[in-house]
Amino acid sequence: MEEKITGTLVFDISTGTFWIVEEEVAKEQIQFGDSFEVKVGNDWVKTGIEISSDDSGDLVFKLKNTDYSGILDGLEVRK
């Protein structure tokens, strides 16, 4: 079984991309359409990044199958 890359989700505003970062080192880029897992409580939930709108109609990032939306930096993820 292949070992998964685990770290913190970080959005790089200068390139518009998400990364899994471990100890300040970018390990894996996450793109729209990629599947990965996010830790919710004590469970890992299969997810992906999508764009949605908030109550004001502004576009925001959202993680599928979770309540996470808006600024997603700092979440524990693995791929």
PDB file of N, CA and C in Angstrom:
ATOM      1  N   MET A   1       0.839  -1.187   0.000  1.00  0.00           N
ATOM      2  CA  MET A   1       0.000   0.000   0.000  1.00  0.00           C
ATOM      3  C   MET A   1       0.881   1.247   0.000  1.00  0.00           C
ATOM      4  N   GLU A   2       0.577   2.167  -0.888  1.00  0.00           N
ATOM      5  CA  GLU A   2       1.373   3.383  -1.025  1.00  0.00           C
ATOM      6  C   GLU A   2       1.123   4.316   0.159  1.00  0.00           C
ATOM      7  N   GLU A   3       2.208   4.878   0.692  1.00  0.00           N
ATOM      8  CA  GLU A   3       2.096   5.801   1.813  1.00  0.00           C
ATOM      9  C   GLU A   3       1.539   7.132   1.326  1.00  0.00           C
ATOM     10  N   LYS A   4       0.627   7.697   2.103  1.00  0.00           N
ATOM     11  CA  LYS A   4       0.009   8.963   1.733  1.00  0.00           C
ATOM     12  C   LYS A   4       0.830  10.133   2.255  1.00  0.00           C
ATOM     13  N   ILE A   5       0.786  11.228   1.499  1.00  0.00           N
ATOM     14  CA  ILE A   5       1.430  12.463   1.917  1.00  0.00           C
ATOM     15  C   ILE A   5       0.457  13.177   2.847  1.00  0.00           C
ATOM     16  N   THR A   6       0.904  13.488   4.051  1.00  0.00           N
ATOM     17  CA  THR A   6       0.071  14.155   5.044  1.00  0.00           C
ATOM     18  C   THR A   6       0.708  15.475   5.421  1.00  0.00           C
ATOM     19  N   GLY A   7      -0.122  16.497   5.591  1.00  0.00           N
ATOM     20  CA  GLY A   7       0.390  17.798   6.004  1.00  0.00           C
ATOM     21  C   GLY A   7      -0.740  18.792   6.174  1.00  0.00           C
ATOM     22  N   THR A   8      -0.398  20.048   6.018  1.00  0.00           N
ATOM     23  CA  THR A   8      -1.335  21.148   6.196  1.00  0.00           C
ATOM     24  C   THR A   8      -1.695  21.722   4.836  1.00  0.00           C
ATOM     25  N   LEU A   9      -2.967  22.018   4.633  1.00  0.00           N
ATOM     26  CA  LEU A   9      -3.408  22.639   3.390  1.00  0.00           C
ATOM     27  C   LEU A   9      -3.048  24.119   3.409  1.00  0.00           C
ATOM     28  N   VAL A  10      -2.405  24.586   2.331  1.00  0.00           N
ATOM     29  CA  VAL A  10      -1.987  25.983   2.224  1.00  0.00           C
ATOM     30  C   VAL A  10      -2.335  26.478   0.820  1.00  0.00           C
ATOM     31  N   PHE A  11      -2.885  27.686   0.748  1.00  0.00           N
ATOM     32  CA  PHE A  11      -3.173  28.327  -0.537  1.00  0.00           C
ATOM     33  C   PHE A  11      -2.081  29.334  -0.839  1.00  0.00           C
ATOM     34  N   ASP A  12      -1.435  29.180  -1.995  1.00  0.00           N
ATOM     35  CA  ASP A  12      -0.391  30.110  -2.435  1.00  0.00           C
ATOM     36  C   ASP A  12      -1.061  31.180  -3.291  1.00  0.00           C
ATOM     37  N   ILE A  13      -1.280  32.338  -2.713  1.00  0.00           N
ATOM     38  CA  ILE A  13      -2.006  33.410  -3.390  1.00  0.00           C
ATOM     39  C   ILE A  13      -1.277  33.910  -4.636  1.00  0.00           C
ATOM     40  N   SER A  14       0.053  33.830  -4.657  1.00  0.00           N
ATOM     41  CA  SER A  14       0.812  34.339  -5.808  1.00  0.00           C
ATOM     42  C   SER A  14       0.639  33.472  -7.050  1.00  0.00           C
ATOM     43  N   THR A  15       0.383  32.165  -6.861  1.00  0.00           N
ATOM     44  CA  THR A  15       0.193  31.270  -8.009  1.00  0.00           C
ATOM     45  C   THR A  15      -1.244  30.777  -8.133  1.00  0.00           C
ATOM     46  N   GLY A  16      -2.059  31.003  -7.098  1.00  0.00           N
ATOM     47  CA  GLY A  16      -3.448  30.559  -7.126  1.00  0.00           C
ATOM     48  C   GLY A  16      -3.595  29.054  -6.997  1.00  0.00           C
ATOM     49  N   THR A  17      -2.663  28.423  -6.282  1.00  0.00           N
ATOM     50  CA  THR A  17      -2.697  26.967  -6.139  1.00  0.00           C
ATOM     51  C   THR A  17      -2.698  26.558  -4.664  1.00  0.00           C
ATOM     52  N   PHE A  18      -3.255  25.369  -4.424  1.00  0.00           N
ATOM     53  CA  PHE A  18      -3.236  24.769  -3.099  1.00  0.00           C
ATOM     54  C   PHE A  18      -2.100  23.759  -3.024  1.00  0.00           C
ATOM     55  N   TRP A  19      -1.517  23.640  -1.825  1.00  0.00           N
ATOM     56  CA  TRP A  19      -0.414  22.702  -1.585  1.00  0.00           C
ATOM     57  C   TRP A  19      -0.628  21.966  -0.267  1.00  0.00           C
ATOM     58  N   ILE A  20      -0.117  20.749  -0.206  1.00  0.00           N
ATOM     59  CA  ILE A  20       0.039  20.068   1.077  1.00  0.00           C
ATOM     60  C   ILE A  20       1.452  20.394   1.521  1.00  0.00           C
ATOM     61  N   VAL A  21       1.552  21.026   2.691  1.00  0.00           N
ATOM     62  CA  VAL A  21       2.836  21.490   3.208  1.00  0.00           C
ATOM     63  C   VAL A  21       3.140  20.767   4.509  1.00  0.00           C
ATOM     64  N   GLU A  22       4.395  20.303   4.618  1.00  0.00           N
ATOM     65  CA  GLU A  22       4.846  19.647   5.840  1.00  0.00           C
ATOM     66  C   GLU A  22       6.130  20.332   6.293  1.00  0.00           C
ATOM     67  N   GLU A  23       6.121  20.861   7.510  1.00  0.00           N
ATOM     68  CA  GLU A  23       7.276  21.566   8.068  1.00  0.00           C
ATOM     69  C   GLU A  23       7.793  22.639   7.108  1.00  0.00           C
ATOM     70  N   GLU A  24       6.850  23.435   6.576  1.00  0.00           N
ATOM     71  CA  GLU A  24       7.128  24.569   5.694  1.00  0.00           C
ATOM     72  C   GLU A  24       7.702  24.175   4.337  1.00  0.00           C
ATOM     73  N   VAL A  25       7.592  22.889   3.965  1.00  0.00           N
ATOM     74  CA  VAL A  25       8.049  22.428   2.658  1.00  0.00           C
ATOM     75  C   VAL A  25       6.836  21.943   1.864  1.00  0.00           C
ATOM     76  N   ALA A  26       6.645  22.497   0.668  1.00  0.00           N
ATOM     77  CA  ALA A  26       5.539  22.081  -0.190  1.00  0.00           C
ATOM     78  C   ALA A  26       5.799  20.655  -0.682  1.00  0.00           C
ATOM     79  N   LYS A  27       4.874  19.748  -0.378  1.00  0.00           N
ATOM     80  CA  LYS A  27       5.052  18.335  -0.716  1.00  0.00           C
ATOM     81  C   LYS A  27       4.249  17.901  -1.933  1.00  0.00           C
ATOM     82  N   GLU A  28       3.042  18.442  -2.087  1.00  0.00           N
ATOM     83  CA  GLU A  28       2.154  17.982  -3.161  1.00  0.00           C
ATOM     84  C   GLU A  28       1.189  19.099  -3.522  1.00  0.00           C
ATOM     85  N   GLN A  29       1.055  19.360  -4.814  1.00  0.00           N
ATOM     86  CA  GLN A  29       0.089  20.353  -5.265  1.00  0.00           C
ATOM     87  C   GLN A  29      -1.283  19.696  -5.379  1.00  0.00           C
ATOM     88  N   ILE A  30      -2.324  20.435  -4.996  1.00  0.00           N
ATOM     89  CA  ILE A  30      -3.693  19.956  -5.139  1.00  0.00           C
ATOM     90  C   ILE A  30      -4.385  20.863  -6.148  1.00  0.00           C
ATOM     91  N   GLN A  31      -4.976  20.240  -7.163  1.00  0.00           N
ATOM     92  CA  GLN A  31      -5.649  20.993  -8.204  1.00  0.00           C
ATOM     93  C   GLN A  31      -7.146  20.694  -8.161  1.00  0.00           C
ATOM     94  N   PHE A  32      -7.929  21.561  -8.800  1.00  0.00           N
ATOM     95  CA  PHE A  32      -9.358  21.299  -8.911  1.00  0.00           C
ATOM     96  C   PHE A  32      -9.547  19.961  -9.614  1.00  0.00           C
ATOM     97  N   GLY A  33     -10.427  19.133  -9.099  1.00  0.00           N
ATOM     98  CA  GLY A  33     -10.663  17.804  -9.651  1.00  0.00           C
ATOM     99  C   GLY A  33      -9.907  16.714  -8.927  1.00  0.00           C
ATOM    100  N   ASP A  34      -8.874  17.079  -8.153  1.00  0.00           N
ATOM    101  CA  ASP A  34      -8.136  16.087  -7.367  1.00  0.00           C
ATOM    102  C   ASP A  34      -8.978  15.638  -6.178  1.00  0.00           C
ATOM    103  N   SER A  35      -8.855  14.371  -5.833  1.00  0.00           N
ATOM    104  CA  SER A  35      -9.464  13.851  -4.607  1.00  0.00           C
ATOM    105  C   SER A  35      -8.382  13.716  -3.553  1.00  0.00           C
ATOM    106  N   PHE A  36      -8.723  14.052  -2.332  1.00  0.00           N
ATOM    107  CA  PHE A  36      -7.814  13.898  -1.202  1.00  0.00           C
ATOM    108  C   PHE A  36      -8.670  13.770   0.042  1.00  0.00           C
ATOM    109  N   GLU A  37      -8.058  13.683   1.205  1.00  0.00           N
ATOM    110  CA  GLU A  37      -8.805  13.548   2.441  1.00  0.00           C
ATOM    111  C   GLU A  37      -8.473  14.697   3.383  1.00  0.00           C
ATOM    112  N   VAL A  38      -9.463  15.089   4.175  1.00  0.00           N
ATOM    113  CA  VAL A  38      -9.287  16.126   5.188  1.00  0.00           C
ATOM    114  C   VAL A  38      -9.713  15.530   6.523  1.00  0.00           C
ATOM    115  N   LYS A  39      -9.009  15.908   7.567  1.00  0.00           N
ATOM    116  CA  LYS A  39      -9.338  15.402   8.900  1.00  0.00           C
ATOM    117  C   LYS A  39     -10.457  16.256   9.487  1.00  0.00           C
ATOM    118  N   VAL A  40     -11.553  15.595   9.827  1.00  0.00           N
ATOM    119  CA  VAL A  40     -12.709  16.229  10.455  1.00  0.00           C
ATOM    120  C   VAL A  40     -12.911  15.530  11.786  1.00  0.00           C
ATOM    121  N   GLY A  41     -12.582  16.221  12.867  1.00  0.00           N
ATOM    122  CA  GLY A  41     -12.598  15.570  14.183  1.00  0.00           C
ATOM    123  C   GLY A  41     -11.520  14.499  14.215  1.00  0.00           C
ATOM    124  N   ASN A  42     -11.915  13.256  14.427  1.00  0.00           N
ATOM    125  CA  ASN A  42     -10.966  12.134  14.430  1.00  0.00           C
ATOM    126  C   ASN A  42     -11.033  11.305  13.153  1.00  0.00           C
ATOM    127  N   ASP A  43     -11.830  11.733  12.187  1.00  0.00           N
ATOM    128  CA  ASP A  43     -12.066  10.953  10.970  1.00  0.00           C
ATOM    129  C   ASP A  43     -11.465  11.624   9.741  1.00  0.00           C
ATOM    130  N   TRP A  44     -11.061  10.797   8.786  1.00  0.00           N
ATOM    131  CA  TRP A  44     -10.614  11.287   7.488  1.00  0.00           C
ATOM    132  C   TRP A  44     -11.792  11.220   6.531  1.00  0.00           C
ATOM    133  N   VAL A  45     -12.093  12.340   5.849  1.00  0.00           N
ATOM    134  CA  VAL A  45     -13.225  12.439   4.946  1.00  0.00           C
ATOM    135  C   VAL A  45     -12.705  12.701   3.538  1.00  0.00           C
ATOM    136  N   LYS A  46     -13.160  11.889   2.565  1.00  0.00           N
ATOM    137  CA  LYS A  46     -12.767  12.089   1.170  1.00  0.00           C
ATOM    138  C   LYS A  46     -13.387  13.392   0.678  1.00  0.00           C
ATOM    139  N   THR A  47     -12.581  14.212   0.010  1.00  0.00           N
ATOM    140  CA  THR A  47     -13.033  15.542  -0.393  1.00  0.00           C
ATOM    141  C   THR A  47     -12.356  15.977  -1.681  1.00  0.00           C
ATOM    142  N   GLY A  48     -12.647  17.168  -2.081  1.00  0.00           N
ATOM    143  CA  GLY A  48     -12.038  17.839  -3.217  1.00  0.00           C
ATOM    144  C   GLY A  48     -12.387  19.313  -3.120  1.00  0.00           C
ATOM    145  N   ILE A  49     -11.678  20.136  -3.848  1.00  0.00           N
ATOM    146  CA  ILE A  49     -11.911  21.580  -3.801  1.00  0.00           C
ATOM    147  C   ILE A  49     -12.903  21.971  -4.883  1.00  0.00           C
ATOM    148  N   GLU A  50     -13.874  22.774  -4.487  1.00  0.00           N
ATOM    149  CA  GLU A  50     -14.808  23.326  -5.455  1.00  0.00           C
ATOM    150  C   GLU A  50     -14.990  24.813  -5.144  1.00  0.00           C
ATOM    151  N   ILE A  51     -15.572  25.527  -6.084  1.00  0.00           N
ATOM    152  CA  ILE A  51     -15.882  26.936  -5.868  1.00  0.00           C
ATOM    153  C   ILE A  51     -17.380  27.049  -5.684  1.00  0.00           C
ATOM    154  N   SER A  52     -17.775  27.786  -4.659  1.00  0.00           N
ATOM    155  CA  SER A  52     -19.174  27.985  -4.327  1.00  0.00           C
ATOM    156  C   SER A  52     -19.388  29.473  -4.083  1.00  0.00           C
ATOM    157  N   SER A  53     -20.577  29.839  -3.689  1.00  0.00           N
ATOM    158  CA  SER A  53     -20.813  31.240  -3.326  1.00  0.00           C
ATOM    159  C   SER A  53     -21.344  31.307  -1.903  1.00  0.00           C
ATOM    160  N   ASP A  54     -20.990  32.388  -1.211  1.00  0.00           N
ATOM    161  CA  ASP A  54     -21.459  32.564   0.159  1.00  0.00           C
ATOM    162  C   ASP A  54     -22.802  33.295   0.153  1.00  0.00           C
ATOM    163  N   ASP A  55     -23.304  33.637   1.319  1.00  0.00           N
ATOM    164  CA  ASP A  55     -24.606  34.291   1.443  1.00  0.00           C
ATOM    165  C   ASP A  55     -24.663  35.645   0.741  1.00  0.00           C
ATOM    166  N   SER A  56     -23.509  36.277   0.556  1.00  0.00           N
ATOM    167  CA  SER A  56     -23.443  37.579  -0.119  1.00  0.00           C
ATOM    168  C   SER A  56     -23.277  37.449  -1.630  1.00  0.00           C
ATOM    169  N   GLY A  57     -23.119  36.206  -2.106  1.00  0.00           N
ATOM    170  CA  GLY A  57     -22.913  35.990  -3.533  1.00  0.00           C
ATOM    171  C   GLY A  57     -21.457  36.004  -3.949  1.00  0.00           C
ATOM    172  N   ASP A  58     -20.531  36.173  -2.978  1.00  0.00           N
ATOM    173  CA  ASP A  58     -19.103  36.159  -3.285  1.00  0.00           C
ATOM    174  C   ASP A  58     -18.637  34.727  -3.495  1.00  0.00           C
ATOM    175  N   LEU A  59     -17.707  34.534  -4.420  1.00  0.00           N
ATOM    176  CA  LEU A  59     -17.156  33.206  -4.663  1.00  0.00           C
ATOM    177  C   LEU A  59     -16.196  32.822  -3.544  1.00  0.00           C
ATOM    178  N   VAL A  60     -16.290  31.577  -3.085  1.00  0.00           N
ATOM    179  CA  VAL A  60     -15.421  31.055  -2.032  1.00  0.00           C
ATOM    180  C   VAL A  60     -15.019  29.634  -2.371  1.00  0.00           C
ATOM    181  N   PHE A  61     -13.865  29.203  -1.832  1.00  0.00           N
ATOM    182  CA  PHE A  61     -13.460  27.809  -1.952  1.00  0.00           C
ATOM    183  C   PHE A  61     -14.230  27.002  -0.917  1.00  0.00           C
ATOM    184  N   LYS A  62     -14.579  25.768  -1.274  1.00  0.00           N
ATOM    185  CA  LYS A  62     -15.298  24.878  -0.380  1.00  0.00           C
ATOM    186  C   LYS A  62     -14.740  23.476  -0.548  1.00  0.00           C
ATOM    187  N   LEU A  63     -14.711  22.702   0.555  1.00  0.00           N
ATOM    188  CA  LEU A  63     -14.312  21.299   0.476  1.00  0.00           C
ATOM    189  C   LEU A  63     -15.564  20.430   0.437  1.00  0.00           C
ATOM    190  N   LYS A  64     -15.689  19.612  -0.596  1.00  0.00           N
ATOM    191  CA  LYS A  64     -16.831  18.710  -0.752  1.00  0.00           C
ATOM    192  C   LYS A  64     -16.961  17.807   0.469  1.00  0.00           C
ATOM    193  N   ASN A  65     -18.186  17.435   0.784  1.00  0.00           N
ATOM    194  CA  ASN A  65     -18.516  16.504   1.874  1.00  0.00           C
ATOM    195  C   ASN A  65     -18.157  17.025   3.257  1.00  0.00           C
ATOM    196  N   THR A  66     -17.912  18.342   3.384  1.00  0.00           N
ATOM    197  CA  THR A  66     -17.586  18.956   4.682  1.00  0.00           C
ATOM    198  C   THR A  66     -18.299  20.301   4.784  1.00  0.00           C
ATOM    199  N   ASP A  67     -18.196  20.907   5.956  1.00  0.00           N
ATOM    200  CA  ASP A  67     -18.702  22.267   6.156  1.00  0.00           C
ATOM    201  C   ASP A  67     -17.610  23.307   5.965  1.00  0.00           C
ATOM    202  N   TYR A  68     -16.406  22.885   5.563  1.00  0.00           N
ATOM    203  CA  TYR A  68     -15.289  23.813   5.400  1.00  0.00           C
ATOM    204  C   TYR A  68     -15.465  24.650   4.139  1.00  0.00           C
ATOM    205  N   SER A  69     -15.397  25.980   4.301  1.00  0.00           N
ATOM    206  CA  SER A  69     -15.439  26.881   3.149  1.00  0.00           C
ATOM    207  C   SER A  69     -14.738  28.182   3.526  1.00  0.00           C
ATOM    208  N   GLY A  70     -14.435  28.971   2.517  1.00  0.00           N
ATOM    209  CA  GLY A  70     -13.732  30.230   2.751  1.00  0.00           C
ATOM    210  C   GLY A  70     -12.235  30.023   2.757  1.00  0.00           C
ATOM    211  N   ILE A  71     -11.577  30.482   3.792  1.00  0.00           N
ATOM    212  CA  ILE A  71     -10.119  30.304   3.942  1.00  0.00           C
ATOM    213  C   ILE A  71      -9.881  28.890   4.466  1.00  0.00           C
ATOM    214  N   LEU A  72      -9.191  28.082   3.671  1.00  0.00           N
ATOM    215  CA  LEU A  72      -8.995  26.663   4.003  1.00  0.00           C
ATOM    216  C   LEU A  72      -7.605  26.370   4.545  1.00  0.00           C
ATOM    217  N   ASP A  73      -6.761  27.383   4.616  1.00  0.00           N
ATOM    218  CA  ASP A  73      -5.393  27.177   5.118  1.00  0.00           C
ATOM    219  C   ASP A  73      -5.403  26.594   6.527  1.00  0.00           C
ATOM    220  N   GLY A  74      -4.485  25.675   6.770  1.00  0.00           N
ATOM    221  CA  GLY A  74      -4.292  25.135   8.121  1.00  0.00           C
ATOM    222  C   GLY A  74      -5.004  23.835   8.389  1.00  0.00           C
ATOM    223  N   LEU A  75      -5.836  23.368   7.451  1.00  0.00           N
ATOM    224  CA  LEU A  75      -6.517  22.097   7.670  1.00  0.00           C
ATOM    225  C   LEU A  75      -5.560  20.929   7.475  1.00  0.00           C
ATOM    226  N   GLU A  76      -5.722  19.872   8.255  1.00  0.00           N
ATOM    227  CA  GLU A  76      -4.893  18.680   8.118  1.00  0.00           C
ATOM    228  C   GLU A  76      -5.448  17.831   6.978  1.00  0.00           C
ATOM    229  N   VAL A  77      -4.594  17.546   5.992  1.00  0.00           N
ATOM    230  CA  VAL A  77      -5.032  16.814   4.793  1.00  0.00           C
ATOM    231  C   VAL A  77      -4.012  15.734   4.442  1.00  0.00           C
ATOM    232  N   ARG A  78      -4.467  14.798   3.615  1.00  0.00           N
ATOM    233  CA  ARG A  78      -3.552  13.788   3.078  1.00  0.00           C
ATOM    234  C   ARG A  78      -4.010  13.369   1.700  1.00  0.00           C
ATOM    235  N   LYS A  79      -3.032  12.932   0.891  1.00  0.00           N
ATOM    236  CA  LYS A  79      -3.319  12.513  -0.493  1.00  0.00           C
ATOM    237  C   LYS A  79      -2.442  11.335  -0.833  1.00  0.00           C
TER     238      LYS A  79
END
